[in-house]
Amino acid sequence: MGRHLSRIAVGLGLILCALAAHAADPAGAAAEELREGLGRASDAAADAWSLEITKAEGGSVTLGMVVIALAGFALGLVVARLFTHRIGLRALHRAGVDEGAAHAYASLAYYALGVIVFLVALRLVAIPLTAFAVVGGALAIGVGFGSQNVVNNFISGVILLAERPIKRGDLIQVEQTYGNVERIGLRSTRIRTGENIHVIVPNSAFLETRVVNWTHNDAQVRLQVDVGVAYGSPTREVERRILAALEEHERVLETPGPIVLFTEFGDNSLNFRALFWVRVRNMMDRMKVESELRYQIDDLFREADITIAFPQRDVHLDASAPLPVKIVGGREP
């Protein structure tokens, strides 16, 4: 192959020299040299195009066949991407399939079309699959010794796309990471947190560790807000004020309805818990609703002169006898 590339380089050099000579002398021997250089370059290119790379069952594999197969494969991938992520997604959305499922089906279809395009490209240029026997053997050895994690993540990615325990747009928690799923690939999944930080998680982590999916079936979740009031506060009025705050908030769902529970007699307060349902798409939605409800509860408590409790201690002094007073640590004159 090096010999053919050298011939091509020599031919191109002759063409450049001939073009320079032709510019100086348009008529004469320059035109002949130009034709000669073009002929040599053309012959060398033809020889390189038909250069035999390897022998396979039923014939040989040439450089030209590989180039055509690669070009066809690249073009097929572009068409597959266009079909699955534009036409396919639009059709799925019109059919009523939710966004997460549509993207999962589109990804699976794209990978399947990629395999089909690869096989068709080899078939069009008559390259048998046995030509990749050596490469496949080397790849198998590499997988056996150093690529277990890659294969594990690849298989996990296929399982995630097929079973869909998580899908695009879901609000999930992986260990201490909260965020929305942006993309599920064959090797890893990309999560965007509330701080707009992208976290790349290997797909195997979703099958090997505990994952909390807040919006697996729908975006409806139950939240809670705890509040403690001072001892002596009217407990029924506290319940009514908390319920009023929940019912006035536009994000709190009417069905299931909100509930207020008197949870315990604490050390320093009478403790209440408000339970309510909202629809959330990210962690900021949850935090905003809880914050707004706390503001509203505080305002309603102030109107009713209800005191929100704080940690305190009562100290009782026995006044039946004089209190002894001593100065400790003083120095004698």
C-alpha atoms as a PDB file:
ATOM      1  CA  MET A   1       0.000   0.000   0.000  1.00  0.00           C
ATOM      2  CA  GLY A   2       2.943   2.359   0.717  1.00  0.00           C
ATOM      3  CA  ARG A   3       4.170   1.829  -2.838  1.00  0.00           C
ATOM      4  CA  HIS A   4       0.810   2.925  -4.273  1.00  0.00           C
ATOM      5  CA  LEU A   5       0.702   6.020  -2.067  1.00  0.00           C
ATOM      6  CA  SER A   6       4.206   6.938  -3.208  1.00  0.00           C
ATOM      7  CA  ARG A   7       3.086   6.676  -6.838  1.00  0.00           C
ATOM      8  CA  ILE A   8       0.132   8.948  -6.123  1.00  0.00           C
ATOM      9  CA  ALA A   9       2.423  11.498  -4.460  1.00  0.00           C
ATOM     10  CA  VAL A  10       4.840  11.417  -7.408  1.00  0.00           C
ATOM     11  CA  GLY A  11       1.952  11.885  -9.838  1.00  0.00           C
ATOM     12  CA  LEU A  12       0.618  14.863  -7.861  1.00  0.00           C
ATOM     13  CA  GLY A  13       4.115  16.380  -7.793  1.00  0.00           C
ATOM     14  CA  LEU A  14       4.399  16.053 -11.561  1.00  0.00           C
ATOM     15  CA  ILE A  15       0.992  17.708 -11.968  1.00  0.00           C
ATOM     16  CA  LEU A  16       2.022  20.684  -9.816  1.00  0.00           C
ATOM     17  CA  CYS A  17       5.295  21.093 -11.705  1.00  0.00           C
ATOM     18  CA  ALA A  18       3.468  20.851 -15.018  1.00  0.00           C
ATOM     19  CA  LEU A  19       0.905  23.440 -13.930  1.00  0.00           C
ATOM     20  CA  ALA A  20       3.709  25.830 -12.965  1.00  0.00           C
ATOM     21  CA  ALA A  21       5.453  25.277 -16.285  1.00  0.00           C
ATOM     22  CA  HIS A  22       2.180  25.654 -18.170  1.00  0.00           C
ATOM     23  CA  ALA A  23       1.555  29.012 -16.487  1.00  0.00           C
ATOM     24  CA  ALA A  24       4.970  30.194 -17.698  1.00  0.00           C
ATOM     25  CA  ASP A  25       4.677  28.605 -21.124  1.00  0.00           C
ATOM     26  CA  PRO A  26       1.050  27.880 -22.084  1.00  0.00           C
ATOM     27  CA  ALA A  27       2.083  26.207 -25.338  1.00  0.00           C
ATOM     28  CA  GLY A  28       4.699  23.568 -25.880  1.00  0.00           C
ATOM     29  CA  ALA A  29       6.034  20.797 -23.700  1.00  0.00           C
ATOM     30  CA  ALA A  30       4.209  21.969 -20.544  1.00  0.00           C
ATOM     31  CA  ALA A  31       0.865  20.607 -21.767  1.00  0.00           C
ATOM     32  CA  GLU A  32       2.459  17.276 -22.526  1.00  0.00           C
ATOM     33  CA  GLU A  33       3.977  17.092 -19.030  1.00  0.00           C
ATOM     34  CA  LEU A  34       0.616  17.946 -17.520  1.00  0.00           C
ATOM     35  CA  ARG A  35      -1.093  15.129 -19.383  1.00  0.00           C
ATOM     36  CA  GLU A  36       1.671  12.748 -18.364  1.00  0.00           C
ATOM     37  CA  GLY A  37       1.336  13.684 -14.689  1.00  0.00           C
ATOM     38  CA  LEU A  38      -2.425  13.297 -14.771  1.00  0.00           C
ATOM     39  CA  GLY A  39      -2.077   9.886 -16.335  1.00  0.00           C
ATOM     40  CA  ARG A  40       0.386   8.677 -13.711  1.00  0.00           C
ATOM     41  CA  ALA A  41      -1.747   9.986 -10.864  1.00  0.00           C
ATOM     42  CA  SER A  42      -4.843   8.361 -12.329  1.00  0.00           C
ATOM     43  CA  ASP A  43      -3.067   5.005 -12.717  1.00  0.00           C
ATOM     44  CA  ALA A  44      -1.716   5.167  -9.167  1.00  0.00           C
ATOM     45  CA  ALA A  45      -5.151   6.057  -7.763  1.00  0.00           C
ATOM     46  CA  ALA A  46      -6.740   3.178  -9.652  1.00  0.00           C
ATOM     47  CA  ASP A  47      -4.104   0.792  -8.326  1.00  0.00           C
ATOM     48  CA  ALA A  48      -4.658   2.034  -4.751  1.00  0.00           C
ATOM     49  CA  TRP A  49      -8.456   1.759  -5.139  1.00  0.00           C
ATOM     50  CA  SER A  50      -8.116  -1.902  -6.154  1.00  0.00           C
ATOM     51  CA  LEU A  51      -5.447  -2.626  -3.525  1.00  0.00           C
ATOM     52  CA  GLU A  52      -6.194  -5.900  -1.767  1.00  0.00           C
ATOM     53  CA  ILE A  53      -6.341  -5.506   2.015  1.00  0.00           C
ATOM     54  CA  THR A  54      -7.219  -9.044   2.988  1.00  0.00           C
ATOM     55  CA  LYS A  55      -8.616 -12.234   1.544  1.00  0.00           C
ATOM     56  CA  ALA A  56     -11.978 -13.500   2.599  1.00  0.00           C
ATOM     57  CA  GLU A  57     -14.254 -16.343   1.724  1.00  0.00           C
ATOM     58  CA  GLY A  58     -15.380 -15.944  -1.868  1.00  0.00           C
ATOM     59  CA  GLY A  59     -12.922 -13.205  -2.865  1.00  0.00           C
ATOM     60  CA  SER A  60     -10.715 -10.401  -1.630  1.00  0.00           C
ATOM     61  CA  VAL A  61     -11.462  -7.148   0.199  1.00  0.00           C
ATOM     62  CA  THR A  62     -10.018  -4.055  -1.488  1.00  0.00           C
ATOM     63  CA  LEU A  63      -9.454  -0.527  -0.263  1.00  0.00           C
ATOM     64  CA  GLY A  64     -12.181   0.779  -2.560  1.00  0.00           C
ATOM     65  CA  MET A  65     -14.722  -1.665  -1.123  1.00  0.00           C
ATOM     66  CA  VAL A  66     -13.909  -0.524   2.426  1.00  0.00           C
ATOM     67  CA  VAL A  67     -14.225   3.158   1.460  1.00  0.00           C
ATOM     68  CA  ILE A  68     -17.612   2.553  -0.195  1.00  0.00           C
ATOM     69  CA  ALA A  69     -18.834   0.525   2.794  1.00  0.00           C
ATOM     70  CA  LEU A  70     -17.777   3.246   5.256  1.00  0.00           C
ATOM     71  CA  ALA A  71     -19.412   5.971   3.160  1.00  0.00           C
ATOM     72  CA  GLY A  72     -22.622   3.952   2.883  1.00  0.00           C
ATOM     73  CA  PHE A  73     -22.590   3.235   6.618  1.00  0.00           C
ATOM     74  CA  ALA A  74     -22.125   6.931   7.488  1.00  0.00           C
ATOM     75  CA  LEU A  75     -24.901   7.968   5.103  1.00  0.00           C
ATOM     76  CA  GLY A  76     -27.181   5.263   6.498  1.00  0.00           C
ATOM     77  CA  LEU A  77     -26.606   6.474  10.073  1.00  0.00           C
ATOM     78  CA  VAL A  78     -27.527  10.022   9.083  1.00  0.00           C
ATOM     79  CA  VAL A  79     -30.744   8.782   7.465  1.00  0.00           C
ATOM     80  CA  ALA A  80     -31.524   6.564  10.478  1.00  0.00           C
ATOM     81  CA  ARG A  81     -31.010   9.488  12.856  1.00  0.00           C
ATOM     82  CA  LEU A  82     -33.267  11.704  10.744  1.00  0.00           C
ATOM     83  CA  PHE A  83     -35.959   9.041  10.537  1.00  0.00           C
ATOM     84  CA  THR A  84     -36.018   8.048  14.226  1.00  0.00           C
ATOM     85  CA  HIS A  85     -35.495  11.407  15.945  1.00  0.00           C
ATOM     86  CA  ARG A  86     -37.638  13.563  13.695  1.00  0.00           C
ATOM     87  CA  ILE A  87     -40.193  11.560  11.777  1.00  0.00           C
ATOM     88  CA  GLY A  88     -40.433   8.777  14.377  1.00  0.00           C
ATOM     89  CA  LEU A  89     -40.751  11.097  17.376  1.00  0.00           C
ATOM     90  CA  ARG A  90     -43.431  13.183  15.689  1.00  0.00           C
ATOM     91  CA  ALA A  91     -45.435  10.084  14.803  1.00  0.00           C
ATOM     92  CA  LEU A  92     -45.157   8.731  18.374  1.00  0.00           C
ATOM     93  CA  HIS A  93     -46.219  12.063  19.864  1.00  0.00           C
ATOM     94  CA  ARG A  94     -49.242  12.206  17.574  1.00  0.00           C
ATOM     95  CA  ALA A  95     -50.107   8.648  18.607  1.00  0.00           C
ATOM     96  CA  GLY A  96     -50.314   9.805  22.236  1.00  0.00           C
ATOM     97  CA  VAL A  97     -47.079   8.216  23.478  1.00  0.00           C
ATOM     98  CA  ASP A  98     -45.506  10.217  26.320  1.00  0.00           C
ATOM     99  CA  GLU A  99     -42.170  11.943  25.782  1.00  0.00           C
ATOM    100  CA  GLY A 100     -40.030   9.518  27.792  1.00  0.00           C
ATOM    101  CA  ALA A 101     -41.411   6.444  26.047  1.00  0.00           C
ATOM    102  CA  ALA A 102     -41.110   8.099  22.628  1.00  0.00           C
ATOM    103  CA  HIS A 103     -37.417   8.834  23.144  1.00  0.00           C
ATOM    104  CA  ALA A 104     -36.779   5.292  24.416  1.00  0.00           C
ATOM    105  CA  TYR A 105     -38.460   3.752  21.353  1.00  0.00           C
ATOM    106  CA  ALA A 106     -36.628   6.152  19.052  1.00  0.00           C
ATOM    107  CA  SER A 107     -33.245   5.243  20.566  1.00  0.00           C
ATOM    108  CA  LEU A 108     -33.894   1.511  20.268  1.00  0.00           C
ATOM    109  CA  ALA A 109     -35.022   1.975  16.661  1.00  0.00           C
ATOM    110  CA  TYR A 110     -31.897   4.017  15.864  1.00  0.00           C
ATOM    111  CA  TYR A 111     -29.532   1.360  17.223  1.00  0.00           C
ATOM    112  CA  ALA A 112     -31.412  -1.408  15.394  1.00  0.00           C
ATOM    113  CA  LEU A 113     -31.303   0.555  12.135  1.00  0.00           C
ATOM    114  CA  GLY A 114     -27.581   1.137  12.682  1.00  0.00           C
ATOM    115  CA  VAL A 115     -26.946  -2.614  12.785  1.00  0.00           C
ATOM    116  CA  ILE A 116     -29.087  -3.144   9.687  1.00  0.00           C
ATOM    117  CA  VAL A 117     -27.299  -0.341   7.813  1.00  0.00           C
ATOM    118  CA  PHE A 118     -23.928  -1.870   8.703  1.00  0.00           C
ATOM    119  CA  LEU A 119     -24.930  -5.284   7.366  1.00  0.00           C
ATOM    120  CA  VAL A 120     -26.462  -3.784   4.215  1.00  0.00           C
ATOM    121  CA  ALA A 121     -23.333  -1.703   3.553  1.00  0.00           C
ATOM    122  CA  LEU A 122     -21.190  -4.829   3.743  1.00  0.00           C
ATOM    123  CA  ARG A 123     -23.596  -6.698   1.503  1.00  0.00           C
ATOM    124  CA  LEU A 124     -23.633  -3.984  -1.175  1.00  0.00           C
ATOM    125  CA  VAL A 125     -19.874  -4.148  -1.670  1.00  0.00           C
ATOM    126  CA  ALA A 126     -19.737  -7.937  -1.242  1.00  0.00           C
ATOM    127  CA  ILE A 127     -17.639  -7.881   1.940  1.00  0.00           C
ATOM    128  CA  PRO A 128     -18.345 -11.106   3.864  1.00  0.00           C
ATOM    129  CA  LEU A 129     -18.634 -11.042   7.645  1.00  0.00           C
ATOM    130  CA  THR A 130     -15.825 -13.585   7.826  1.00  0.00           C
ATOM    131  CA  ALA A 131     -13.473 -10.734   6.923  1.00  0.00           C
ATOM    132  CA  PHE A 132     -13.947  -9.465  10.475  1.00  0.00           C
ATOM    133  CA  ALA A 133     -13.168 -12.778  12.110  1.00  0.00           C
ATOM    134  CA  VAL A 134      -9.701 -11.682  13.247  1.00  0.00           C
ATOM    135  CA  VAL A 135     -10.979  -8.324  14.480  1.00  0.00           C
ATOM    136  CA  GLY A 136     -13.868 -10.026  16.256  1.00  0.00           C
ATOM    137  CA  GLY A 137     -11.513 -12.455  17.963  1.00  0.00           C
ATOM    138  CA  ALA A 138      -9.257  -9.644  19.151  1.00  0.00           C
ATOM    139  CA  LEU A 139     -12.296  -7.705  20.366  1.00  0.00           C
ATOM    140  CA  ALA A 140     -13.558 -10.732  22.283  1.00  0.00           C
ATOM    141  CA  ILE A 141     -10.193 -11.095  24.021  1.00  0.00           C
ATOM    142  CA  GLY A 142     -10.208  -7.388  24.900  1.00  0.00           C
ATOM    143  CA  VAL A 143     -13.717  -7.660  26.300  1.00  0.00           C
ATOM    144  CA  GLY A 144     -12.727 -10.666  28.349  1.00  0.00           C
ATOM    145  CA  PHE A 145      -9.732  -8.967  29.953  1.00  0.00           C
ATOM    146  CA  GLY A 146     -10.444  -5.259  30.193  1.00  0.00           C
ATOM    147  CA  SER A 147     -13.881  -4.225  28.987  1.00  0.00           C
ATOM    148  CA  GLN A 148     -16.252  -5.891  31.411  1.00  0.00           C
ATOM    149  CA  ASN A 149     -17.528  -2.535  32.672  1.00  0.00           C
ATOM    150  CA  VAL A 150     -18.153  -1.261  29.151  1.00  0.00           C
ATOM    151  CA  VAL A 151     -20.149  -4.358  28.235  1.00  0.00           C
ATOM    152  CA  ASN A 152     -21.986  -4.228  31.566  1.00  0.00           C
ATOM    153  CA  ASN A 153     -23.000  -0.614  30.965  1.00  0.00           C
ATOM    154  CA  PHE A 154     -23.969  -1.411  27.366  1.00  0.00           C
ATOM    155  CA  ILE A 155     -26.282  -4.248  28.401  1.00  0.00           C
ATOM    156  CA  SER A 156     -27.671  -2.108  31.237  1.00  0.00           C
ATOM    157  CA  GLY A 157     -28.427   0.660  28.732  1.00  0.00           C
ATOM    158  CA  VAL A 158     -30.402  -1.735  26.544  1.00  0.00           C
ATOM    159  CA  ILE A 159     -32.353  -2.927  29.615  1.00  0.00           C
ATOM    160  CA  LEU A 160     -33.099   0.660  30.680  1.00  0.00           C
ATOM    161  CA  LEU A 161     -34.404   1.521  27.215  1.00  0.00           C
ATOM    162  CA  ALA A 162     -36.482  -1.662  26.990  1.00  0.00           C
ATOM    163  CA  GLU A 163     -37.936  -1.902  30.529  1.00  0.00           C
ATOM    164  CA  ARG A 164     -37.957   1.894  31.165  1.00  0.00           C
ATOM    165  CA  PRO A 165     -37.569   1.988  34.970  1.00  0.00           C
ATOM    166  CA  ILE A 166     -36.411   5.530  34.268  1.00  0.00           C
ATOM    167  CA  LYS A 167     -37.118   7.640  31.199  1.00  0.00           C
ATOM    168  CA  ARG A 168     -36.285  11.041  29.827  1.00  0.00           C
ATOM    169  CA  GLY A 169     -37.723  13.843  31.960  1.00  0.00           C
ATOM    170  CA  ASP A 170     -38.102  11.762  35.146  1.00  0.00           C
ATOM    171  CA  LEU A 171     -37.128  13.332  38.466  1.00  0.00           C
ATOM    172  CA  ILE A 172     -34.840  10.788  40.146  1.00  0.00           C
ATOM    173  CA  GLN A 173     -32.506  10.420  43.099  1.00  0.00           C
ATOM    174  CA  VAL A 174     -29.313   8.362  42.793  1.00  0.00           C
ATOM    175  CA  GLU A 175     -27.555   8.240  46.177  1.00  0.00           C
ATOM    176  CA  GLN A 176     -27.298  11.978  47.060  1.00  0.00           C
ATOM    177  CA  THR A 177     -27.896  13.277  43.537  1.00  0.00           C
ATOM    178  CA  TYR A 178     -31.294  14.752  42.610  1.00  0.00           C
ATOM    179  CA  GLY A 179     -32.049  15.714  39.023  1.00  0.00           C
ATOM    180  CA  ASN A 180     -33.970  15.178  35.810  1.00  0.00           C
ATOM    181  CA  VAL A 181     -32.989  12.564  33.247  1.00  0.00           C
ATOM    182  CA  GLU A 182     -31.920  14.315  30.045  1.00  0.00           C
ATOM    183  CA  ARG A 183     -30.560  11.443  27.962  1.00  0.00           C
ATOM    184  CA  ILE A 184     -30.232   7.665  28.238  1.00  0.00           C
ATOM    185  CA  GLY A 185     -27.377   6.348  26.111  1.00  0.00           C
ATOM    186  CA  LEU A 186     -26.022   2.845  25.655  1.00  0.00           C
ATOM    187  CA  ARG A 187     -23.124   3.480  28.051  1.00  0.00           C
ATOM    188  CA  SER A 188     -24.268   6.210  30.442  1.00  0.00           C
ATOM    189  CA  THR A 189     -27.181   8.427  31.439  1.00  0.00           C
ATOM    190  CA  ARG A 190     -27.026  12.210  31.729  1.00  0.00           C
ATOM    191  CA  ILE A 191     -28.791  13.879  34.675  1.00  0.00           C
ATOM    192  CA  ARG A 192     -29.249  17.631  35.165  1.00  0.00           C
ATOM    193  CA  THR A 193     -29.499  18.812  38.756  1.00  0.00           C
ATOM    194  CA  GLY A 194     -31.368  21.845  40.080  1.00  0.00           C
ATOM    195  CA  GLU A 195     -28.067  23.780  40.009  1.00  0.00           C
ATOM    196  CA  ASN A 196     -27.857  23.129  36.229  1.00  0.00           C
ATOM    197  CA  ILE A 197     -24.974  20.708  36.758  1.00  0.00           C
ATOM    198  CA  HIS A 198     -24.834  17.707  34.438  1.00  0.00           C
ATOM    199  CA  VAL A 199     -23.976  14.407  36.121  1.00  0.00           C
ATOM    200  CA  ILE A 200     -22.943  11.426  33.996  1.00  0.00           C
ATOM    201  CA  VAL A 201     -23.986   8.151  35.646  1.00  0.00           C
ATOM    202  CA  PRO A 202     -22.977   4.705  34.268  1.00  0.00           C
ATOM    203  CA  ASN A 203     -26.032   2.723  33.274  1.00  0.00           C
ATOM    204  CA  SER A 204     -25.091  -0.195  35.511  1.00  0.00           C
ATOM    205  CA  ALA A 205     -25.568   2.051  38.577  1.00  0.00           C
ATOM    206  CA  PHE A 206     -29.319   2.182  37.934  1.00  0.00           C
ATOM    207  CA  LEU A 207     -29.578  -1.623  38.100  1.00  0.00           C
ATOM    208  CA  GLU A 208     -27.118  -2.237  40.925  1.00  0.00           C
ATOM    209  CA  THR A 209     -28.037   0.536  43.386  1.00  0.00           C
ATOM    210  CA  ARG A 210     -31.232   1.940  44.888  1.00  0.00           C
ATOM    211  CA  VAL A 211     -32.811   4.571  42.648  1.00  0.00           C
ATOM    212  CA  VAL A 212     -35.764   6.757  43.696  1.00  0.00           C
ATOM    213  CA  ASN A 213     -37.962   7.801  40.771  1.00  0.00           C
ATOM    214  CA  TRP A 214     -40.262  10.600  41.896  1.00  0.00           C
ATOM    215  CA  THR A 215     -42.228  10.722  38.642  1.00  0.00           C
ATOM    216  CA  HIS A 216     -42.166   7.155  37.346  1.00  0.00           C
ATOM    217  CA  ASN A 217     -45.860   6.813  36.499  1.00  0.00           C
ATOM    218  CA  ASP A 218     -46.935  10.459  36.798  1.00  0.00           C
ATOM    219  CA  ALA A 219     -45.730  13.781  38.181  1.00  0.00           C
ATOM    220  CA  GLN A 220     -48.076  13.683  41.193  1.00  0.00           C
ATOM    221  CA  VAL A 221     -46.230  13.390  44.534  1.00  0.00           C
ATOM    222  CA  ARG A 222     -47.115  13.932  48.177  1.00  0.00           C
ATOM    223  CA  LEU A 223     -45.184  16.539  50.135  1.00  0.00           C
ATOM    224  CA  GLN A 224     -45.251  17.568  53.767  1.00  0.00           C
ATOM    225  CA  VAL A 225     -44.622  20.674  55.858  1.00  0.00           C
ATOM    226  CA  ASP A 226     -44.032  20.398  59.619  1.00  0.00           C
ATOM    227  CA  VAL A 227     -44.761  23.211  62.055  1.00  0.00           C
ATOM    228  CA  GLY A 228     -44.767  23.480  65.848  1.00  0.00           C
ATOM    229  CA  VAL A 229     -46.796  25.904  67.962  1.00  0.00           C
ATOM    230  CA  ALA A 230     -46.397  26.967  71.571  1.00  0.00           C
ATOM    231  CA  TYR A 231     -48.139  25.092  74.358  1.00  0.00           C
ATOM    232  CA  GLY A 232     -51.520  26.649  75.127  1.00  0.00           C
ATOM    233  CA  SER A 233     -52.302  27.414  71.483  1.00  0.00           C
ATOM    234  CA  PRO A 234     -55.815  26.475  70.256  1.00  0.00           C
ATOM    235  CA  THR A 235     -55.120  23.262  68.389  1.00  0.00           C
ATOM    236  CA  ARG A 236     -58.358  23.267  66.358  1.00  0.00           C
ATOM    237  CA  GLU A 237     -57.670  26.810  65.192  1.00  0.00           C
ATOM    238  CA  VAL A 238     -54.128  25.768  64.236  1.00  0.00           C
ATOM    239  CA  GLU A 239     -55.579  22.962  62.126  1.00  0.00           C
ATOM    240  CA  ARG A 240     -58.048  25.321  60.399  1.00  0.00           C
ATOM    241  CA  ARG A 241     -55.338  27.881  59.613  1.00  0.00           C
ATOM    242  CA  ILE A 242     -53.016  25.279  58.106  1.00  0.00           C
ATOM    243  CA  LEU A 243     -55.852  23.826  55.998  1.00  0.00           C
ATOM    244  CA  ALA A 244     -56.730  27.337  54.813  1.00  0.00           C
ATOM    245  CA  ALA A 245     -53.140  27.883  53.666  1.00  0.00           C
ATOM    246  CA  LEU A 246     -53.186  24.565  51.781  1.00  0.00           C
ATOM    247  CA  GLU A 247     -56.538  25.216  50.102  1.00  0.00           C
ATOM    248  CA  GLU A 248     -55.544  28.714  48.985  1.00  0.00           C
ATOM    249  CA  HIS A 249     -52.371  27.556  47.240  1.00  0.00           C
ATOM    250  CA  GLU A 250     -52.937  27.027  43.518  1.00  0.00           C
ATOM    251  CA  ARG A 251     -50.413  24.193  43.213  1.00  0.00           C
ATOM    252  CA  VAL A 252     -51.997  21.988  45.898  1.00  0.00           C
ATOM    253  CA  LEU A 253     -54.322  19.400  44.331  1.00  0.00           C
ATOM    254  CA  GLU A 254     -57.903  19.101  45.482  1.00  0.00           C
ATOM    255  CA  THR A 255     -57.911  15.333  44.892  1.00  0.00           C
ATOM    256  CA  PRO A 256     -56.429  13.729  46.911  1.00  0.00           C
ATOM    257  CA  GLY A 257     -57.252  16.445  49.420  1.00  0.00           C
ATOM    258  CA  PRO A 258     -54.772  17.900  51.917  1.00  0.00           C
ATOM    259  CA  ILE A 259     -54.618  16.540  55.481  1.00  0.00           C
ATOM    260  CA  VAL A 260     -53.392  18.119  58.736  1.00  0.00           C
ATOM    261  CA  LEU A 261     -52.204  15.773  61.495  1.00  0.00           C
ATOM    262  CA  PHE A 262     -51.483  16.594  65.148  1.00  0.00           C
ATOM    263  CA  THR A 263     -48.379  14.441  65.388  1.00  0.00           C
ATOM    264  CA  GLU A 264     -47.032  14.793  68.943  1.00  0.00           C
ATOM    265  CA  PHE A 265     -46.609  16.711  72.165  1.00  0.00           C
ATOM    266  CA  GLY A 266     -43.002  17.752  71.765  1.00  0.00           C
ATOM    267  CA  ASP A 267     -40.520  18.993  74.331  1.00  0.00           C
ATOM    268  CA  ASN A 268     -41.061  22.614  73.369  1.00  0.00           C
ATOM    269  CA  SER A 269     -44.053  22.605  71.014  1.00  0.00           C
ATOM    270  CA  LEU A 270     -47.263  21.042  69.804  1.00  0.00           C
ATOM    271  CA  ASN A 271     -46.246  19.528  66.478  1.00  0.00           C
ATOM    272  CA  PHE A 272     -48.436  19.430  63.363  1.00  0.00           C
ATOM    273  CA  ARG A 273     -47.811  17.965  59.916  1.00  0.00           C
ATOM    274  CA  ALA A 274     -49.480  19.104  56.684  1.00  0.00           C
ATOM    275  CA  LEU A 275     -49.714  16.451  53.953  1.00  0.00           C
ATOM    276  CA  PHE A 276     -50.682  17.500  50.433  1.00  0.00           C
ATOM    277  CA  TRP A 277     -50.314  16.474  46.793  1.00  0.00           C
ATOM    278  CA  VAL A 278     -48.749  18.510  43.981  1.00  0.00           C
ATOM    279  CA  ARG A 279     -47.418  17.950  40.480  1.00  0.00           C
ATOM    280  CA  VAL A 280     -43.660  18.466  40.220  1.00  0.00           C
ATOM    281  CA  ARG A 281     -41.210  18.189  37.337  1.00  0.00           C
ATOM    282  CA  ASN A 282     -38.006  19.104  39.177  1.00  0.00           C
ATOM    283  CA  MET A 283     -36.668  19.693  42.666  1.00  0.00           C
ATOM    284  CA  MET A 284     -37.151  23.459  42.440  1.00  0.00           C
ATOM    285  CA  ASP A 285     -40.917  22.937  42.000  1.00  0.00           C
ATOM    286  CA  ARG A 286     -41.020  21.025  45.278  1.00  0.00           C
ATOM    287  CA  MET A 287     -38.900  23.545  47.182  1.00  0.00           C
ATOM    288  CA  LYS A 288     -40.926  26.528  45.918  1.00  0.00           C
ATOM    289  CA  VAL A 289     -44.272  25.021  46.941  1.00  0.00           C
ATOM    290  CA  GLU A 290     -43.019  24.137  50.429  1.00  0.00           C
ATOM    291  CA  SER A 291     -41.496  27.603  50.896  1.00  0.00           C
ATOM    292  CA  GLU A 292     -44.640  29.425  49.759  1.00  0.00           C
ATOM    293  CA  LEU A 293     -46.785  27.362  52.129  1.00  0.00           C
ATOM    294  CA  ARG A 294     -44.525  28.189  55.073  1.00  0.00           C
ATOM    295  CA  TYR A 295     -44.877  31.905  54.287  1.00  0.00           C
ATOM    296  CA  GLN A 296     -48.670  31.543  54.113  1.00  0.00           C
ATOM    297  CA  ILE A 297     -48.898  29.567  57.355  1.00  0.00           C
ATOM    298  CA  ASP A 298     -46.787  32.149  59.173  1.00  0.00           C
ATOM    299  CA  ASP A 299     -49.028  34.996  57.949  1.00  0.00           C
ATOM    300  CA  LEU A 300     -52.217  33.196  59.029  1.00  0.00           C
ATOM    301  CA  PHE A 301     -50.746  32.362  62.436  1.00  0.00           C
ATOM    302  CA  ARG A 302     -49.844  36.011  62.999  1.00  0.00           C
ATOM    303  CA  GLU A 303     -53.437  37.037  62.232  1.00  0.00           C
ATOM    304  CA  ALA A 304     -54.713  34.605  64.872  1.00  0.00           C
ATOM    305  CA  ASP A 305     -51.977  35.428  67.448  1.00  0.00           C
ATOM    306  CA  ILE A 306     -50.695  31.868  67.280  1.00  0.00           C
ATOM    307  CA  THR A 307     -47.035  31.634  68.254  1.00  0.00           C
ATOM    308  CA  ILE A 308     -44.690  29.340  66.378  1.00  0.00           C
ATOM    309  CA  ALA A 309     -42.667  27.568  69.060  1.00  0.00           C
ATOM    310  CA  PHE A 310     -38.911  27.716  69.504  1.00  0.00           C
ATOM    311  CA  PRO A 311     -36.580  25.741  71.798  1.00  0.00           C
ATOM    312  CA  GLN A 312     -36.737  27.010  75.397  1.00  0.00           C
ATOM    313  CA  ARG A 313     -36.062  25.895  78.968  1.00  0.00           C
ATOM    314  CA  ASP A 314     -37.843  26.855  82.210  1.00  0.00           C
ATOM    315  CA  VAL A 315     -35.650  27.392  85.300  1.00  0.00           C
ATOM    316  CA  HIS A 316     -37.415  27.196  88.714  1.00  0.00           C
ATOM    317  CA  LEU A 317     -35.760  28.699  91.820  1.00  0.00           C
ATOM    318  CA  ASP A 318     -36.627  27.551  95.347  1.00  0.00           C
ATOM    319  CA  ALA A 319     -37.388  30.833  97.205  1.00  0.00           C
ATOM    320  CA  SER A 320     -38.346  29.206 100.525  1.00  0.00           C
ATOM    321  CA  ALA A 321     -34.812  29.778 101.822  1.00  0.00           C
ATOM    322  CA  PRO A 322     -32.129  32.373 101.171  1.00  0.00           C
ATOM    323  CA  LEU A 323     -29.987  31.630  98.169  1.00  0.00           C
ATOM    324  CA  PRO A 324     -26.329  31.136  99.108  1.00  0.00           C
ATOM    325  CA  VAL A 325     -23.963  33.286  97.097  1.00  0.00           C
ATOM    326  CA  LYS A 326     -20.266  32.446  96.886  1.00  0.00           C
ATOM    327  CA  ILE A 327     -17.380  34.073  95.072  1.00  0.00           C
ATOM    328  CA  VAL A 328     -15.137  31.391  93.662  1.00  0.00           C
ATOM    329  CA  GLY A 329     -11.641  31.883  92.308  1.00  0.00           C
ATOM    330  CA  GLY A 330     -10.772  35.093  94.161  1.00  0.00           C
ATOM    331  CA  ARG A 331      -7.262  35.769  95.581  1.00  0.00           C
ATOM    332  CA  GLU A 332      -6.610  36.656  99.213  1.00  0.00           C
ATOM    333  CA  PRO A 333      -4.809  40.011  99.761  1.00  0.00           C
END
